[in-house]
């Protein structure tokens, strides 16, 4: 059920996060494993931007840095395994987005690696979507 109280930009961040996750699934099926990881990062980034917009009641910053977005969203209670994964995917964002050696990057990010990133991304997104920041909080609106 969609919460009508969310800011319009937050709703858009959530919708585009879901779209990017679906794109990651399609990239896995097509064998474009670098883009699985790239779009997983985008999906998490956009969901975090929805959190930032709700917490700050302002537009999210133009950044790809997931750690910065986590801090701005004040998601201090996030489970440790999710925090570790966000740090990991944040660190591979540049090499998967702009590989210096395409073949080496393709070899490093195999199908099994891409599947693992996708599964962990889904877990993080599930946690983020269930968080109170994105649930009814009528006191703020």
N, C-alpha and C. Protein backbone atom coordinates (compact mmCIF):
# COMPACT_ATOMS: atom_id res chain seq x y z
N UNK A 1 0.84 -1.18 0.00
CA UNK A 1 0.00 0.00 0.00
C UNK A 1 0.89 1.25 0.00
N UNK A 2 0.60 2.15 -0.89
CA UNK A 2 1.39 3.37 -1.01
C UNK A 2 0.95 4.37 0.05
N UNK A 3 1.92 4.99 0.69
CA UNK A 3 1.62 6.00 1.69
C UNK A 3 1.49 7.36 1.01
N UNK A 4 0.33 7.95 1.15
CA UNK A 4 0.05 9.21 0.50
C UNK A 4 0.74 10.38 1.17
N UNK A 5 1.22 10.18 2.40
CA UNK A 5 1.84 11.28 3.13
C UNK A 5 3.27 11.58 2.68
N UNK A 6 3.88 10.71 1.91
CA UNK A 6 5.27 10.92 1.49
C UNK A 6 5.38 12.10 0.53
N UNK A 7 6.52 12.73 0.59
CA UNK A 7 6.83 13.82 -0.35
C UNK A 7 6.79 13.26 -1.78
N UNK A 8 6.49 14.09 -2.74
CA UNK A 8 6.43 13.61 -4.12
C UNK A 8 7.80 13.16 -4.62
N UNK A 9 8.87 13.85 -4.19
CA UNK A 9 10.20 13.41 -4.62
C UNK A 9 10.56 12.06 -3.98
N UNK A 10 10.12 11.84 -2.75
CA UNK A 10 10.36 10.54 -2.10
C UNK A 10 9.64 9.43 -2.86
N UNK A 11 8.41 9.68 -3.24
CA UNK A 11 7.66 8.68 -4.01
C UNK A 11 8.37 8.36 -5.32
N UNK A 12 8.91 9.40 -5.95
CA UNK A 12 9.62 9.18 -7.20
C UNK A 12 10.91 8.39 -6.97
N UNK A 13 11.64 8.71 -5.89
CA UNK A 13 12.86 7.95 -5.58
C UNK A 13 12.52 6.47 -5.36
N UNK A 14 11.43 6.20 -4.66
CA UNK A 14 11.03 4.81 -4.40
C UNK A 14 10.67 4.12 -5.71
N UNK A 15 9.90 4.78 -6.55
CA UNK A 15 9.50 4.19 -7.83
C UNK A 15 10.71 3.90 -8.72
N UNK A 16 11.65 4.85 -8.77
CA UNK A 16 12.83 4.62 -9.63
C UNK A 16 13.76 3.58 -9.01
N UNK A 17 13.78 3.48 -7.70
CA UNK A 17 14.55 2.42 -7.04
C UNK A 17 14.02 1.05 -7.45
N UNK A 18 12.72 0.91 -7.44
CA UNK A 18 12.10 -0.36 -7.84
C UNK A 18 12.35 -0.65 -9.31
N UNK A 19 12.29 0.38 -10.14
CA UNK A 19 12.56 0.24 -11.57
C UNK A 19 13.99 -0.24 -11.78
N UNK A 20 14.94 0.35 -11.05
CA UNK A 20 16.34 -0.05 -11.18
C UNK A 20 16.57 -1.48 -10.69
N UNK A 21 15.86 -1.89 -9.65
CA UNK A 21 15.99 -3.26 -9.18
C UNK A 21 15.49 -4.23 -10.26
N UNK A 22 14.39 -3.89 -10.88
CA UNK A 22 13.87 -4.74 -11.96
C UNK A 22 14.87 -4.77 -13.13
N UNK A 23 15.50 -3.64 -13.40
CA UNK A 23 16.54 -3.59 -14.45
C UNK A 23 17.69 -4.52 -14.09
N UNK A 24 18.10 -4.52 -12.82
CA UNK A 24 19.18 -5.42 -12.38
C UNK A 24 18.81 -6.87 -12.63
N UNK A 25 17.56 -7.21 -12.36
CA UNK A 25 17.11 -8.59 -12.62
C UNK A 25 17.20 -8.93 -14.10
N UNK A 26 16.82 -8.00 -14.96
CA UNK A 26 16.91 -8.21 -16.40
C UNK A 26 18.36 -8.31 -16.87
N UNK A 27 19.23 -7.51 -16.28
CA UNK A 27 20.64 -7.56 -16.64
C UNK A 27 21.25 -8.91 -16.23
N UNK A 28 20.80 -9.46 -15.12
CA UNK A 28 21.28 -10.79 -14.71
C UNK A 28 20.87 -11.83 -15.75
N UNK A 29 19.63 -11.78 -16.18
CA UNK A 29 19.13 -12.73 -17.18
C UNK A 29 19.85 -12.59 -18.52
N UNK A 30 20.25 -11.37 -18.85
CA UNK A 30 20.91 -11.14 -20.14
C UNK A 30 22.43 -11.34 -20.09
N UNK A 31 22.97 -11.57 -18.89
CA UNK A 31 24.40 -11.81 -18.77
C UNK A 31 25.24 -10.56 -18.67
N UNK A 32 24.64 -9.43 -18.40
CA UNK A 32 25.36 -8.16 -18.25
C UNK A 32 25.62 -7.93 -16.76
N UNK A 33 26.57 -8.68 -16.22
CA UNK A 33 26.75 -8.75 -14.78
C UNK A 33 27.29 -7.45 -14.17
N UNK A 34 28.12 -6.72 -14.89
CA UNK A 34 28.57 -5.43 -14.38
C UNK A 34 27.39 -4.51 -14.14
N UNK A 35 26.42 -4.56 -15.05
CA UNK A 35 25.26 -3.69 -14.92
C UNK A 35 24.29 -4.16 -13.86
N UNK A 36 24.35 -5.43 -13.49
CA UNK A 36 23.58 -5.89 -12.34
C UNK A 36 24.03 -5.12 -11.11
N UNK A 37 25.33 -5.09 -10.90
CA UNK A 37 25.90 -4.43 -9.73
C UNK A 37 25.67 -2.92 -9.81
N UNK A 38 25.87 -2.34 -10.98
CA UNK A 38 25.66 -0.91 -11.18
C UNK A 38 24.22 -0.53 -10.85
N UNK A 39 23.25 -1.28 -11.36
CA UNK A 39 21.85 -0.91 -11.10
C UNK A 39 21.42 -1.27 -9.69
N UNK A 40 22.05 -2.26 -9.08
CA UNK A 40 21.78 -2.52 -7.65
C UNK A 40 22.22 -1.32 -6.82
N UNK A 41 23.38 -0.78 -7.14
CA UNK A 41 23.86 0.41 -6.43
C UNK A 41 22.87 1.56 -6.62
N UNK A 42 22.42 1.77 -7.86
CA UNK A 42 21.46 2.84 -8.13
C UNK A 42 20.17 2.65 -7.34
N UNK A 43 19.72 1.41 -7.27
CA UNK A 43 18.47 1.12 -6.57
C UNK A 43 18.58 1.46 -5.08
N UNK A 44 19.67 1.06 -4.47
CA UNK A 44 19.89 1.38 -3.05
C UNK A 44 20.04 2.89 -2.88
N UNK A 45 20.81 3.51 -3.77
CA UNK A 45 21.02 4.96 -3.71
C UNK A 45 19.69 5.71 -3.71
N UNK A 46 18.81 5.32 -4.59
CA UNK A 46 17.54 6.03 -4.72
C UNK A 46 16.62 5.79 -3.53
N UNK A 47 16.65 4.58 -2.98
CA UNK A 47 15.84 4.32 -1.79
C UNK A 47 16.39 5.12 -0.61
N UNK A 48 17.71 5.21 -0.51
CA UNK A 48 18.30 6.04 0.54
C UNK A 48 17.95 7.51 0.35
N UNK A 49 17.88 7.97 -0.88
CA UNK A 49 17.51 9.36 -1.14
C UNK A 49 16.07 9.62 -0.72
N UNK A 50 15.20 8.63 -0.85
CA UNK A 50 13.83 8.78 -0.33
C UNK A 50 13.87 8.97 1.18
N UNK A 51 14.71 8.20 1.85
CA UNK A 51 14.86 8.35 3.31
C UNK A 51 15.38 9.74 3.67
N UNK A 52 16.40 10.18 2.95
CA UNK A 52 16.98 11.50 3.23
C UNK A 52 15.93 12.58 3.05
N UNK A 53 15.18 12.50 1.97
CA UNK A 53 14.14 13.51 1.70
C UNK A 53 13.10 13.53 2.82
N UNK A 54 12.75 12.38 3.32
CA UNK A 54 11.75 12.31 4.40
C UNK A 54 12.32 12.81 5.73
N UNK A 55 13.54 12.43 6.03
CA UNK A 55 14.15 12.83 7.30
C UNK A 55 14.42 14.33 7.33
N UNK A 56 14.97 14.85 6.25
CA UNK A 56 15.34 16.27 6.20
C UNK A 56 14.19 17.16 5.74
N UNK A 57 13.16 16.53 5.19
CA UNK A 57 12.05 17.29 4.58
C UNK A 57 12.59 18.30 3.59
N UNK A 58 13.50 17.79 2.76
CA UNK A 58 14.14 18.59 1.73
C UNK A 58 14.64 17.63 0.66
N UNK A 59 15.07 18.18 -0.46
CA UNK A 59 15.58 17.34 -1.54
C UNK A 59 16.87 16.65 -1.13
N UNK A 60 17.03 15.42 -1.58
CA UNK A 60 18.25 14.66 -1.30
C UNK A 60 19.41 15.24 -2.11
N UNK A 61 20.62 15.15 -1.56
CA UNK A 61 21.78 15.69 -2.27
C UNK A 61 22.10 14.90 -3.53
N UNK A 62 22.73 15.56 -4.47
CA UNK A 62 23.16 14.91 -5.72
C UNK A 62 24.50 14.22 -5.45
N UNK A 63 24.42 12.99 -5.03
CA UNK A 63 25.62 12.21 -4.73
C UNK A 63 25.32 10.75 -5.01
N UNK A 64 26.38 10.00 -5.28
CA UNK A 64 26.27 8.55 -5.44
C UNK A 64 26.83 7.83 -4.21
N UNK A 65 27.27 8.59 -3.22
CA UNK A 65 27.92 8.04 -2.03
C UNK A 65 26.87 7.50 -1.06
N UNK A 66 26.77 6.19 -0.99
CA UNK A 66 25.77 5.55 -0.14
C UNK A 66 26.03 5.80 1.34
N UNK A 67 27.28 5.90 1.74
CA UNK A 67 27.63 6.13 3.14
C UNK A 67 27.16 7.53 3.56
N UNK A 68 27.39 8.50 2.71
CA UNK A 68 26.92 9.86 3.00
C UNK A 68 25.39 9.88 3.13
N UNK A 69 24.72 9.19 2.22
CA UNK A 69 23.26 9.14 2.28
C UNK A 69 22.76 8.45 3.55
N UNK A 70 23.43 7.39 3.95
CA UNK A 70 23.08 6.70 5.20
C UNK A 70 23.18 7.65 6.39
N UNK A 71 24.26 8.40 6.42
CA UNK A 71 24.46 9.36 7.52
C UNK A 71 23.37 10.42 7.53
N UNK A 72 23.07 10.96 6.35
CA UNK A 72 22.05 12.00 6.28
C UNK A 72 20.67 11.48 6.65
N UNK A 73 20.42 10.21 6.37
CA UNK A 73 19.13 9.60 6.70
C UNK A 73 19.09 9.15 8.16
N UNK A 74 20.22 9.19 8.85
CA UNK A 74 20.32 8.80 10.26
C UNK A 74 19.78 7.39 10.50
N UNK A 75 20.19 6.48 9.63
CA UNK A 75 19.74 5.08 9.75
C UNK A 75 20.71 4.28 10.62
N UNK A 76 20.87 4.73 11.84
CA UNK A 76 21.86 4.15 12.76
C UNK A 76 21.49 2.74 13.22
N UNK A 77 20.22 2.38 13.13
CA UNK A 77 19.79 1.07 13.61
C UNK A 77 19.83 -0.01 12.53
N UNK A 78 20.38 0.31 11.36
CA UNK A 78 20.46 -0.68 10.28
C UNK A 78 21.30 -1.87 10.73
N UNK A 79 20.86 -3.08 10.42
CA UNK A 79 21.64 -4.26 10.80
C UNK A 79 23.06 -4.22 10.23
N UNK A 80 23.99 -4.76 10.98
CA UNK A 80 25.41 -4.72 10.62
C UNK A 80 25.67 -5.35 9.25
N UNK A 81 25.02 -6.46 8.95
CA UNK A 81 25.26 -7.11 7.66
C UNK A 81 24.82 -6.21 6.49
N UNK A 82 23.77 -5.42 6.67
CA UNK A 82 23.33 -4.49 5.63
C UNK A 82 24.33 -3.34 5.50
N UNK A 83 24.82 -2.85 6.64
CA UNK A 83 25.82 -1.78 6.60
C UNK A 83 27.08 -2.24 5.87
N UNK A 84 27.51 -3.46 6.16
CA UNK A 84 28.71 -4.01 5.51
C UNK A 84 28.49 -4.12 4.01
N UNK A 85 27.31 -4.59 3.61
CA UNK A 85 27.04 -4.71 2.19
C UNK A 85 27.00 -3.35 1.51
N UNK A 86 26.39 -2.38 2.14
CA UNK A 86 26.35 -1.03 1.56
C UNK A 86 27.76 -0.48 1.38
N UNK A 87 28.62 -0.71 2.36
CA UNK A 87 30.02 -0.30 2.20
C UNK A 87 30.68 -1.01 1.03
N UNK A 88 30.40 -2.29 0.90
CA UNK A 88 30.98 -3.09 -0.18
C UNK A 88 30.50 -2.62 -1.56
N UNK A 89 29.20 -2.45 -1.72
CA UNK A 89 28.68 -2.04 -3.02
C UNK A 89 29.06 -0.59 -3.32
N UNK A 90 29.18 0.21 -2.30
CA UNK A 90 29.64 1.60 -2.49
C UNK A 90 31.06 1.61 -3.06
N UNK A 91 31.91 0.71 -2.59
CA UNK A 91 33.30 0.64 -3.03
C UNK A 91 33.45 0.13 -4.46
N UNK A 92 32.50 -0.66 -4.94
CA UNK A 92 32.62 -1.19 -6.31
C UNK A 92 31.83 -0.36 -7.31
N UNK A 93 31.24 0.71 -6.87
CA UNK A 93 30.44 1.54 -7.76
C UNK A 93 31.27 2.09 -8.92
N UNK A 94 32.42 2.66 -8.62
CA UNK A 94 33.24 3.27 -9.67
C UNK A 94 33.83 2.20 -10.61
N UNK A 95 34.42 1.10 -10.08
CA UNK A 95 34.96 0.10 -11.00
C UNK A 95 33.91 -0.56 -11.90
N UNK A 96 32.67 -0.67 -11.44
CA UNK A 96 31.64 -1.26 -12.30
C UNK A 96 31.02 -0.23 -13.23
N UNK A 97 31.04 1.02 -12.81
CA UNK A 97 30.48 2.10 -13.63
C UNK A 97 31.46 2.52 -14.72
N UNK A 98 32.74 2.59 -14.36
CA UNK A 98 33.79 3.05 -15.28
C UNK A 98 34.98 2.08 -15.23
N UNK A 99 34.82 0.88 -15.73
CA UNK A 99 35.94 -0.08 -15.63
C UNK A 99 37.16 0.38 -16.42
N UNK A 100 38.32 0.31 -15.76
CA UNK A 100 39.57 0.68 -16.44
C UNK A 100 39.96 -0.39 -17.46
N UNK A 101 39.65 -1.64 -17.15
CA UNK A 101 39.92 -2.76 -18.05
C UNK A 101 38.64 -3.59 -18.09
N UNK A 102 37.90 -3.47 -19.17
CA UNK A 102 36.59 -4.10 -19.26
C UNK A 102 36.66 -5.60 -19.04
N UNK A 103 37.58 -6.28 -19.69
CA UNK A 103 37.64 -7.73 -19.57
C UNK A 103 37.96 -8.17 -18.15
N UNK A 104 38.86 -7.46 -17.49
CA UNK A 104 39.20 -7.79 -16.11
C UNK A 104 37.98 -7.58 -15.20
N UNK A 105 37.23 -6.50 -15.45
CA UNK A 105 36.02 -6.24 -14.66
C UNK A 105 34.97 -7.33 -14.90
N UNK A 106 34.81 -7.73 -16.14
CA UNK A 106 33.85 -8.79 -16.47
C UNK A 106 34.23 -10.07 -15.76
N UNK A 107 35.54 -10.38 -15.73
CA UNK A 107 36.01 -11.59 -15.05
C UNK A 107 35.80 -11.49 -13.53
N UNK A 108 35.99 -10.31 -12.97
CA UNK A 108 35.88 -10.12 -11.53
C UNK A 108 34.43 -10.19 -11.05
N UNK A 109 33.51 -9.78 -11.90
CA UNK A 109 32.09 -9.73 -11.52
C UNK A 109 31.31 -10.74 -12.35
N UNK A 110 31.47 -11.99 -11.95
CA UNK A 110 30.85 -13.12 -12.65
C UNK A 110 29.36 -13.22 -12.32
N UNK A 111 28.72 -14.19 -12.91
CA UNK A 111 27.30 -14.42 -12.66
C UNK A 111 27.03 -14.68 -11.19
N UNK A 112 27.86 -15.50 -10.55
CA UNK A 112 27.62 -15.81 -9.13
C UNK A 112 27.80 -14.56 -8.26
N UNK A 113 28.76 -13.72 -8.59
CA UNK A 113 28.97 -12.48 -7.84
C UNK A 113 27.77 -11.56 -8.03
N UNK A 114 27.32 -11.43 -9.27
CA UNK A 114 26.17 -10.57 -9.57
C UNK A 114 24.91 -11.08 -8.86
N UNK A 115 24.71 -12.38 -8.84
CA UNK A 115 23.54 -12.95 -8.14
C UNK A 115 23.60 -12.64 -6.66
N UNK A 116 24.79 -12.73 -6.09
CA UNK A 116 24.97 -12.43 -4.66
C UNK A 116 24.66 -10.97 -4.37
N UNK A 117 25.18 -10.07 -5.21
CA UNK A 117 24.90 -8.64 -5.03
C UNK A 117 23.41 -8.36 -5.15
N UNK A 118 22.76 -8.99 -6.10
CA UNK A 118 21.32 -8.77 -6.30
C UNK A 118 20.53 -9.27 -5.09
N UNK A 119 20.88 -10.44 -4.58
CA UNK A 119 20.17 -10.98 -3.41
C UNK A 119 20.35 -10.08 -2.20
N UNK A 120 21.58 -9.61 -1.97
CA UNK A 120 21.82 -8.74 -0.83
C UNK A 120 21.14 -7.38 -1.00
N UNK A 121 21.10 -6.89 -2.23
CA UNK A 121 20.41 -5.64 -2.51
C UNK A 121 18.94 -5.77 -2.16
N UNK A 122 18.33 -6.87 -2.53
CA UNK A 122 16.91 -7.08 -2.24
C UNK A 122 16.67 -7.08 -0.73
N UNK A 123 17.57 -7.68 0.03
CA UNK A 123 17.43 -7.70 1.49
C UNK A 123 17.52 -6.29 2.07
N UNK A 124 18.49 -5.52 1.60
CA UNK A 124 18.65 -4.14 2.08
C UNK A 124 17.43 -3.31 1.72
N UNK A 125 16.97 -3.43 0.49
CA UNK A 125 15.80 -2.66 0.06
C UNK A 125 14.55 -3.03 0.85
N UNK A 126 14.40 -4.31 1.15
CA UNK A 126 13.25 -4.74 1.95
C UNK A 126 13.29 -4.07 3.32
N UNK A 127 14.46 -4.04 3.94
CA UNK A 127 14.60 -3.39 5.24
C UNK A 127 14.31 -1.90 5.12
N UNK A 128 14.87 -1.26 4.10
CA UNK A 128 14.67 0.19 3.93
C UNK A 128 13.21 0.54 3.68
N UNK A 129 12.53 -0.27 2.88
CA UNK A 129 11.13 0.02 2.57
C UNK A 129 10.22 -0.17 3.77
N UNK A 130 10.60 -1.04 4.68
CA UNK A 130 9.79 -1.29 5.87
C UNK A 130 10.10 -0.32 7.01
N UNK A 131 11.13 0.48 6.85
CA UNK A 131 11.55 1.41 7.90
C UNK A 131 10.49 2.48 8.15
N UNK A 132 10.34 2.92 9.39
CA UNK A 132 9.34 3.96 9.72
C UNK A 132 9.49 5.27 8.94
N UNK A 133 10.69 5.59 8.47
CA UNK A 133 10.85 6.82 7.67
C UNK A 133 9.89 6.85 6.48
N UNK A 134 9.63 5.69 5.93
CA UNK A 134 8.79 5.61 4.74
C UNK A 134 7.38 5.10 5.03
N UNK A 135 7.06 4.99 6.31
CA UNK A 135 5.74 4.56 6.71
C UNK A 135 4.95 5.77 7.19
N UNK A 136 3.74 5.55 7.56
CA UNK A 136 2.90 6.67 8.01
C UNK A 136 3.49 7.33 9.24
N UNK A 137 3.71 8.59 9.12
CA UNK A 137 4.19 9.40 10.25
C UNK A 137 3.46 10.75 10.17
N UNK A 138 2.21 10.71 10.40
CA UNK A 138 1.35 11.87 10.21
C UNK A 138 1.77 13.07 11.07
N UNK A 139 2.51 12.82 12.12
CA UNK A 139 2.95 13.92 12.98
C UNK A 139 3.86 14.88 12.23
N UNK A 140 4.60 14.37 11.23
CA UNK A 140 5.53 15.22 10.48
C UNK A 140 4.82 15.99 9.37
N UNK A 141 3.63 15.55 8.98
CA UNK A 141 3.00 16.16 7.81
C UNK A 141 1.75 16.94 8.16
